């Protein structure tokens, strides 16, 4: 039956040609730039690159219950504070970087054989919104923050801060465990305060 066979082959070829034309038309219909990143939403701060921490260190602050990490003479990058908003003192870990109103994120601290993951909320401090996490002193992953080796602290959109450790975080935690401290709702100094040597 050669004639029906040739007719079937011709039909298949015609269908293949039609599909190719349709595909070409579909590709041509995609507007240039489709799939490109959308512009940032209004009110959301632009993502920050990880900062240069050459020469950065933990340093004491005006408050005896607070230390800051950064370069001397520059605005600090991170603050760690002992606060008491309930029956027991807690640690307040702050990434001093812009946060959107109502924002929520994860504050990740990786180092010293531990990986700490703590919820972070956008909190207004002295007219500026920054990222803050509250950490219980009983938290078993706390050595990620207080151990002697360098750590990496990351908040989505605020980059990763490499922290070169010294004794101040451990000393602050030990002091916080042994004393009642004044009630506080955030850093006692504005985010723009310069770090001072410890």
Foldseek 3Di string as FASTA:
>chain_A
DVPVVVVVVVVVVVVVVVVVVVVVVVVVPDDPPPPPDDDDDPQADAFDAADDQVQWAWADDPDNFKIFIGHFPFQTQKMWGWADPDPAIWIKIWGLDAGGVFDKWWKWKDDPPAIDTFIWTFDADPNGTTTIGIGHLPDPRCCSVQPQQWMWIDTPRHYIYIHHYDRVVVVSSVVRRPDHDYHDDDDPDDSGDGGDHD
